[in-house]
Amino acid sequence: MKKSLFTAIAVLFLAFGASAQHRADPQKLDNPKSFSMIMMGDPQNYVKNTFYQPIFELCTVWMTDHMEPLNIKAVLFTGDMVNRNDFVNPRSKTEDQSSRQMWEWCSHCLKRLDNKIPYIIAPGNHEYGYMYGDGEFTHEPEYIYYERNSKWAECLVASFPNRQGVMSLENSAYEFKDKNWGKLLVLTLEWAPRDTVVQWARRLCSAEKYKKHFIILNVHSYLRAGHPANYTASKAPGHNQGKELWEKLVKPSHNIRLVLCGHTGRGKGENEFEQNVGFRSDKNDAGKTVHQMMFNCQFIGHYNGGDGWLRILEFMPNGKNIHVKTYSPLFGISPMTRQYAHRTASYDQFVMKFD
């Protein structure tokens, strides 16, 4: 059964990449004057198993295929790009890849975006230590480095050393411009960022050249975040998540208007999809609304890695609204399943309005 399903996915994948002019479910903007950013939750359960790996690559191929129809400015990953950062022996039948194999497959899938679209990754706890946040080191800079994607040269404006004192993309900022939205800055931070990182980010937000920017903060753990006992690195003094990031960075920064995160996910159940998303809005110190959105579908689809679900964030030409849609290229690839590719519940499809 597994072999036949894998073959079916492979055939669909090849068909998807072979003919750009025919799509079962082509996506387009609600307004042709809009632009979009694509948000993808934690892909760790795709990369950990050979059977699910093609779904991750299908998603990145879909992104490049929709560069023009969706006017994609960037792809935002909320972290946990691998399931184990530095683990040699696979743990079970559901995890048949070593850490090196996971990193290599992750890198392979991201190659689909290289030199085409800038992608911005907020490292997750599974990128640190040996398993899931039990140490301060990471292999991410060995696979995700500045020189691999020429599109970063067009937008990367700042970076800050990681926990190992290495200048990497773990803490970095990217500038984008649009005639309707003006200047935007996407700020991404390491998992459970250190106080020094939070201070750097706050200085960046208040700097003269960025104080009028619309800033998007992309972090791994924020809504429903915590410090479980096995996340030993985050329990060390001077590490921040959730409420700490709100109090120290988001709330006092008048120009951080949107926060995106992943990390939290619940198991299967009657309302399984609703258990893997989150949203709230609060006022910052300047009295402006800050929307905060969590999206992580790694447990959806009976541990099928996430069934290809991602979010399309369409920045409308009025410069005030972002339309959020939840979509799966996996279901959208075939005429037989495209009716399942769109989720339209109130927590799946909605509009964020900015004052």
Protein backbone atom coordinates (compact mmCIF):
# COMPACT_ATOMS: atom_id res chain seq x y z
CA MET A 1 0.00 0.00 0.00
CA LYS A 2 2.75 2.42 0.93
CA LYS A 3 4.66 1.69 -2.26
CA SER A 4 1.60 2.27 -4.44
CA LEU A 5 0.71 5.54 -2.67
CA PHE A 6 4.29 6.76 -2.99
CA THR A 7 4.24 5.93 -6.71
CA ALA A 8 0.95 7.79 -7.16
CA ILE A 9 2.38 10.88 -5.48
CA ALA A 10 5.52 10.65 -7.61
CA VAL A 11 3.49 10.41 -10.83
CA LEU A 12 1.36 13.38 -9.83
CA PHE A 13 4.48 15.32 -8.89
CA LEU A 14 6.11 14.68 -12.25
CA ALA A 15 2.92 15.62 -14.07
CA PHE A 16 2.72 18.82 -12.04
CA GLY A 17 6.24 19.83 -12.99
CA ALA A 18 6.00 18.86 -16.63
CA SER A 19 3.18 21.05 -17.88
CA ALA A 20 3.00 24.63 -16.67
CA GLN A 21 -0.03 25.52 -18.76
CA HIS A 22 -2.46 22.92 -17.35
CA ARG A 23 -3.38 22.88 -13.67
CA ALA A 24 -6.23 21.08 -11.96
CA ASP A 25 -6.62 23.91 -9.45
CA PRO A 26 -4.59 27.01 -10.43
CA GLN A 27 -4.55 29.71 -7.77
CA LYS A 28 -4.87 33.42 -8.40
CA LEU A 29 -5.09 36.63 -6.39
CA ASP A 30 -8.44 38.07 -5.34
CA ASN A 31 -7.16 41.38 -6.72
CA PRO A 32 -4.58 41.44 -9.54
CA LYS A 33 -2.92 44.46 -7.89
CA SER A 34 -2.17 42.51 -4.71
CA PHE A 35 0.97 40.62 -3.76
CA SER A 36 1.33 37.59 -1.53
CA MET A 37 3.58 35.84 0.92
CA ILE A 38 3.30 32.10 1.51
CA MET A 39 3.38 30.78 5.07
CA MET A 40 4.34 27.16 5.71
CA GLY A 41 4.21 25.51 9.11
CA ASP A 42 6.74 23.08 10.52
CA PRO A 43 7.77 20.53 7.82
CA GLN A 44 9.60 18.24 10.27
CA ASN A 45 7.23 15.30 9.76
CA TYR A 46 7.70 15.43 5.99
CA VAL A 47 11.48 15.12 6.12
CA LYS A 48 11.73 12.44 8.79
CA ASN A 49 10.23 9.68 6.64
CA THR A 50 11.01 8.68 3.04
CA PHE A 51 7.34 8.03 2.35
CA TYR A 52 6.26 11.61 3.13
CA GLN A 53 9.25 13.52 1.78
CA PRO A 54 7.81 14.11 -1.75
CA ILE A 55 4.95 16.15 -0.26
CA PHE A 56 7.41 18.79 0.99
CA GLU A 57 9.04 19.06 -2.43
CA LEU A 58 5.63 19.26 -4.08
CA CYS A 59 4.89 22.30 -1.91
CA THR A 60 8.06 24.14 -2.90
CA VAL A 61 7.51 23.30 -6.58
CA TRP A 62 3.97 24.68 -6.28
CA MET A 63 5.40 27.91 -4.82
CA THR A 64 7.71 28.50 -7.77
CA ASP A 65 4.94 27.54 -10.17
CA HIS A 66 2.74 30.27 -8.62
CA MET A 67 5.40 32.99 -8.40
CA GLU A 68 3.67 35.11 -11.03
CA PRO A 69 -0.03 34.22 -10.59
CA LEU A 70 0.21 35.01 -6.86
CA ASN A 71 2.92 37.68 -7.17
CA ILE A 72 4.85 35.99 -4.35
CA LYS A 73 7.36 38.28 -2.63
CA ALA A 74 8.57 35.74 -0.03
CA VAL A 75 7.98 32.33 1.53
CA LEU A 76 7.90 32.29 5.34
CA PHE A 77 8.75 29.07 7.20
CA THR A 78 7.95 28.90 10.90
CA GLY A 79 10.77 26.48 11.69
CA ASP A 80 11.33 22.85 12.68
CA MET A 81 12.71 22.19 9.22
CA VAL A 82 13.98 18.84 10.50
CA ASN A 83 12.80 16.54 13.25
CA ARG A 84 16.23 15.96 14.86
CA ASN A 85 19.20 18.27 14.46
CA ASP A 86 22.01 15.84 15.27
CA PHE A 87 20.84 12.26 15.61
CA VAL A 88 22.50 9.30 13.89
CA ASN A 89 20.17 6.33 14.16
CA PRO A 90 16.54 6.60 12.97
CA ARG A 91 14.17 6.13 15.87
CA SER A 92 11.29 4.09 14.44
CA LYS A 93 9.38 3.03 11.32
CA THR A 94 7.74 6.47 11.24
CA GLU A 95 11.17 8.11 11.36
CA ASP A 96 13.50 6.28 8.99
CA GLN A 97 15.92 9.15 8.32
CA SER A 98 19.02 10.23 10.21
CA SER A 99 19.48 13.93 10.97
CA ARG A 100 21.93 14.30 8.09
CA GLN A 101 19.39 12.77 5.71
CA MET A 102 16.69 15.12 7.03
CA TRP A 103 18.87 18.19 6.54
CA GLU A 104 19.83 17.04 3.05
CA TRP A 105 16.21 16.52 2.01
CA CYS A 106 15.19 19.85 3.48
CA SER A 107 17.99 21.51 1.52
CA HIS A 108 16.95 19.64 -1.62
CA CYS A 109 13.37 20.91 -1.37
CA LEU A 110 14.52 24.47 -0.76
CA LYS A 111 16.60 24.32 -3.95
CA ARG A 112 13.32 24.63 -5.79
CA LEU A 113 13.09 28.18 -4.41
CA ASP A 114 16.76 29.16 -4.75
CA ASN A 115 17.40 32.07 -7.12
CA LYS A 116 13.63 32.43 -7.65
CA ILE A 117 12.00 33.47 -4.37
CA PRO A 118 13.51 34.64 -1.07
CA TYR A 119 12.53 32.25 1.71
CA ILE A 120 12.76 33.24 5.34
CA ILE A 121 13.14 30.61 8.05
CA ALA A 122 12.51 31.04 11.78
CA PRO A 123 14.54 28.17 13.28
CA GLY A 124 12.60 25.84 15.56
CA ASN A 125 13.56 23.93 18.67
CA HIS A 126 14.16 20.78 16.59
CA GLU A 127 17.05 22.59 14.89
CA TYR A 128 18.95 22.93 18.18
CA GLY A 129 20.81 20.37 20.25
CA TYR A 130 20.60 16.68 19.46
CA MET A 131 16.88 16.11 19.31
CA TYR A 132 14.45 18.93 20.06
CA GLY A 133 15.98 21.84 21.89
CA ASP A 134 18.23 20.01 24.32
CA GLY A 135 21.29 22.06 23.36
CA GLU A 136 22.40 25.39 21.92
CA PHE A 137 24.10 24.25 18.70
CA THR A 138 22.57 23.80 15.25
CA HIS A 139 23.57 22.52 11.81
CA GLU A 140 21.29 24.96 10.02
CA PRO A 141 24.07 27.33 8.79
CA GLU A 142 25.71 24.37 7.04
CA TYR A 143 22.65 23.95 4.82
CA ILE A 144 20.86 27.33 4.86
CA TYR A 145 23.49 29.94 4.02
CA TYR A 146 23.41 33.31 2.28
CA GLU A 147 25.27 32.36 -0.89
CA ARG A 148 22.84 29.63 -1.98
CA ASN A 149 19.97 31.97 -2.93
CA SER A 150 20.73 35.05 -5.02
CA LYS A 151 17.33 36.54 -4.14
CA TRP A 152 18.53 37.27 -0.61
CA ALA A 153 20.96 39.83 -2.00
CA GLU A 154 17.94 41.88 -3.05
CA CYS A 155 16.27 42.02 0.36
CA LEU A 156 18.54 40.97 3.27
CA VAL A 157 19.37 44.11 5.27
CA ALA A 158 20.57 42.91 8.69
CA SER A 159 21.69 39.85 10.63
CA PHE A 160 22.92 38.95 14.13
CA PRO A 161 25.23 36.14 15.38
CA ASN A 162 23.65 32.87 16.44
CA ARG A 163 24.16 31.00 19.73
CA GLN A 164 27.53 29.73 18.51
CA GLY A 165 28.73 33.23 17.68
CA VAL A 166 28.38 32.56 13.95
CA MET A 167 26.82 35.14 11.64
CA SER A 168 23.95 33.26 10.00
CA LEU A 169 20.38 33.73 8.77
CA GLU A 170 18.88 32.53 12.07
CA ASN A 171 18.48 36.15 13.18
CA SER A 172 17.94 38.33 10.14
CA ALA A 173 15.80 41.03 8.55
CA TYR A 174 14.51 41.42 4.97
CA GLU A 175 13.12 44.54 3.34
CA PHE A 176 10.40 44.59 0.68
CA LYS A 177 8.70 47.48 -1.10
CA ASP A 178 5.22 47.85 -2.55
CA LYS A 179 3.53 50.96 -3.95
CA ASN A 180 0.43 50.37 -1.79
CA TRP A 181 1.97 49.04 1.42
CA GLY A 182 5.13 51.11 1.32
CA LYS A 183 8.14 49.51 2.96
CA LEU A 184 7.86 46.20 4.77
CA LEU A 185 10.41 44.44 6.98
CA VAL A 186 10.28 40.73 7.78
CA LEU A 187 12.21 40.05 10.97
CA THR A 188 13.00 36.43 11.81
CA LEU A 189 14.57 35.21 15.05
CA GLU A 190 16.11 32.05 16.45
CA TRP A 191 14.01 29.72 18.57
CA ALA A 192 13.59 31.03 22.13
CA PRO A 193 15.71 34.08 21.25
CA ARG A 194 18.28 35.24 23.75
CA ASP A 195 17.94 38.63 25.43
CA THR A 196 20.75 39.98 23.25
CA VAL A 197 18.80 38.98 20.13
CA VAL A 198 15.61 40.58 21.42
CA GLN A 199 17.53 43.77 22.18
CA TRP A 200 19.03 43.77 18.68
CA ALA A 201 15.58 43.28 17.15
CA ARG A 202 14.10 46.11 19.21
CA ARG A 203 16.91 48.47 18.20
CA LEU A 204 16.33 47.52 14.57
CA CYS A 205 12.60 48.25 14.81
CA SER A 206 13.21 51.67 16.35
CA ALA A 207 16.04 52.65 13.99
CA GLU A 208 15.37 55.77 11.92
CA LYS A 209 15.47 53.88 8.61
CA TYR A 210 12.89 51.29 9.72
CA LYS A 211 10.59 53.14 12.12
CA LYS A 212 7.97 53.73 9.39
CA HIS A 213 8.11 50.18 8.03
CA PHE A 214 5.29 47.64 8.39
CA ILE A 215 7.12 44.92 10.31
CA ILE A 216 6.28 41.21 10.29
CA LEU A 217 7.88 39.14 13.04
CA ASN A 218 8.45 35.50 12.06
CA VAL A 219 9.30 33.27 15.03
CA HIS A 220 8.90 29.59 15.83
CA SER A 221 7.21 29.46 19.24
CA TYR A 222 4.96 32.30 20.31
CA LEU A 223 1.25 31.48 20.69
CA ARG A 224 0.61 28.65 23.14
CA ALA A 225 4.37 28.58 23.68
CA GLY A 226 6.01 27.09 26.71
CA HIS A 227 9.23 25.66 28.10
CA PRO A 228 8.69 21.86 28.38
CA ALA A 229 11.22 20.01 30.46
CA ASN A 230 12.94 18.46 27.45
CA TYR A 231 13.48 21.89 25.84
CA THR A 232 16.42 22.50 28.14
CA ALA A 233 17.98 25.24 26.01
CA SER A 234 14.93 27.48 26.34
CA LYS A 235 14.88 27.09 30.13
CA ALA A 236 18.28 28.73 30.50
CA PRO A 237 18.18 32.31 31.80
CA GLY A 238 17.75 34.99 29.17
CA HIS A 239 15.70 33.00 26.62
CA ASN A 240 12.30 34.25 25.47
CA GLN A 241 9.07 32.84 24.06
CA GLY A 242 5.41 33.79 23.95
CA LYS A 243 4.50 36.36 26.59
CA GLU A 244 8.15 37.33 27.08
CA LEU A 245 8.51 38.23 23.40
CA TRP A 246 5.26 40.20 23.53
CA GLU A 247 6.35 42.18 26.58
CA LYS A 248 9.96 42.79 25.56
CA LEU A 249 9.69 43.23 21.79
CA VAL A 250 6.27 43.23 20.16
CA LYS A 251 4.23 45.43 22.51
CA PRO A 252 6.77 48.28 22.81
CA SER A 253 7.56 48.31 19.06
CA HIS A 254 4.92 50.46 17.38
CA ASN A 255 5.69 49.09 13.89
CA ILE A 256 5.51 45.31 14.51
CA ARG A 257 2.00 44.73 13.18
CA LEU A 258 1.95 41.01 12.42
CA VAL A 259 3.47 38.03 14.23
CA LEU A 260 3.64 34.58 12.60
CA CYS A 261 4.60 31.36 14.38
CA GLY A 262 4.30 27.59 14.32
CA HIS A 263 5.54 25.07 16.90
CA THR A 264 2.31 24.18 18.68
CA GLY A 265 0.25 21.34 17.29
CA ARG A 266 -2.33 19.00 18.70
CA GLY A 267 -3.19 15.42 17.90
CA LYS A 268 -6.06 14.07 15.84
CA GLY A 269 -9.62 14.54 16.92
CA GLU A 270 -13.07 15.68 15.91
CA ASN A 271 -11.81 19.23 15.34
CA GLU A 272 -8.25 18.29 14.47
CA PHE A 273 -7.58 21.19 12.11
CA GLU A 274 -8.83 23.79 14.55
CA GLN A 275 -6.47 22.33 17.16
CA ASN A 276 -3.46 23.15 14.97
CA VAL A 277 -4.09 26.82 14.28
CA GLY A 278 -4.32 29.90 16.47
CA PHE A 279 -5.06 33.61 16.18
CA ARG A 280 -5.39 36.65 18.42
CA SER A 281 -5.17 40.42 18.18
CA ASP A 282 -3.89 42.86 20.80
CA LYS A 283 -3.02 46.53 21.04
CA ASN A 284 0.62 47.58 21.30
CA ASP A 285 1.92 50.53 23.31
CA ALA A 286 1.10 52.86 20.42
CA GLY A 287 -2.53 51.70 20.44
CA LYS A 288 -2.19 49.87 17.12
CA THR A 289 -3.60 46.42 16.47
CA VAL A 290 -1.09 43.58 16.27
CA HIS A 291 -2.42 40.39 14.66
CA GLN A 292 -0.74 37.15 15.79
CA MET A 293 -1.20 33.91 13.89
CA MET A 294 -0.06 30.35 14.55
CA PHE A 295 -0.15 27.71 11.81
CA ASN A 296 1.30 24.21 12.16
CA CYS A 297 -0.38 21.23 10.51
CA GLN A 298 2.23 18.53 11.03
CA PHE A 299 -0.28 16.31 12.86
CA ILE A 300 -3.01 16.66 10.24
CA GLY A 301 -3.70 13.73 7.94
CA HIS A 302 -2.92 10.95 10.41
CA TYR A 303 0.77 11.86 10.62
CA ASN A 304 1.08 12.28 6.87
CA GLY A 305 3.43 15.18 7.57
CA GLY A 306 0.72 17.80 7.17
CA ASP A 307 -1.03 16.94 3.88
CA GLY A 308 0.63 19.88 2.13
CA TRP A 309 -1.37 22.55 3.95
CA LEU A 310 0.02 26.08 3.77
CA ARG A 311 -1.32 29.60 3.96
CA ILE A 312 -1.57 32.24 1.25
CA LEU A 313 -1.34 35.74 2.69
CA GLU A 314 -2.65 38.22 0.12
CA PHE A 315 -1.74 41.84 0.82
CA MET A 316 -4.61 43.80 -0.70
CA PRO A 317 -3.94 47.00 -2.69
CA ASN A 318 -5.74 49.16 -0.10
CA GLY A 319 -2.65 48.75 2.11
CA LYS A 320 -4.81 47.80 5.11
CA ASN A 321 -6.13 44.25 4.65
CA ILE A 322 -4.50 40.83 4.35
CA HIS A 323 -6.66 37.97 3.06
CA VAL A 324 -5.70 34.63 4.59
CA LYS A 325 -6.42 31.40 2.74
CA THR A 326 -5.56 27.83 3.72
CA TYR A 327 -4.63 25.64 0.76
CA SER A 328 -3.05 22.26 -0.02
CA PRO A 329 -1.11 21.69 -3.29
CA LEU A 330 -1.31 17.96 -2.51
CA PHE A 331 -5.08 17.91 -2.91
CA GLY A 332 -5.09 20.63 -5.56
CA ILE A 333 -2.86 18.69 -7.93
CA SER A 334 -5.60 16.37 -9.19
CA PRO A 335 -9.09 16.98 -10.62
CA MET A 336 -10.24 14.10 -8.40
CA THR A 337 -9.18 15.79 -5.15
CA ARG A 338 -9.13 19.52 -5.83
CA GLN A 339 -12.48 19.95 -4.07
CA TYR A 340 -10.62 19.15 -0.83
CA ALA A 341 -7.77 21.62 -1.43
CA HIS A 342 -9.44 24.66 0.13
CA ARG A 343 -10.39 25.07 3.78
CA THR A 344 -13.05 27.70 4.35
CA ALA A 345 -13.90 27.54 8.06
CA SER A 346 -13.72 30.85 9.91
CA TYR A 347 -10.33 29.91 11.37
CA ASP A 348 -8.99 28.84 7.95
CA GLN A 349 -10.07 31.72 5.74
CA PHE A 350 -10.39 35.25 7.07
CA VAL A 351 -9.31 38.88 6.68
CA MET A 352 -6.82 40.70 8.89
CA LYS A 353 -7.57 44.42 9.01
CA PHE A 354 -4.92 46.92 10.05
CA ASP A 355 -5.65 50.38 11.46
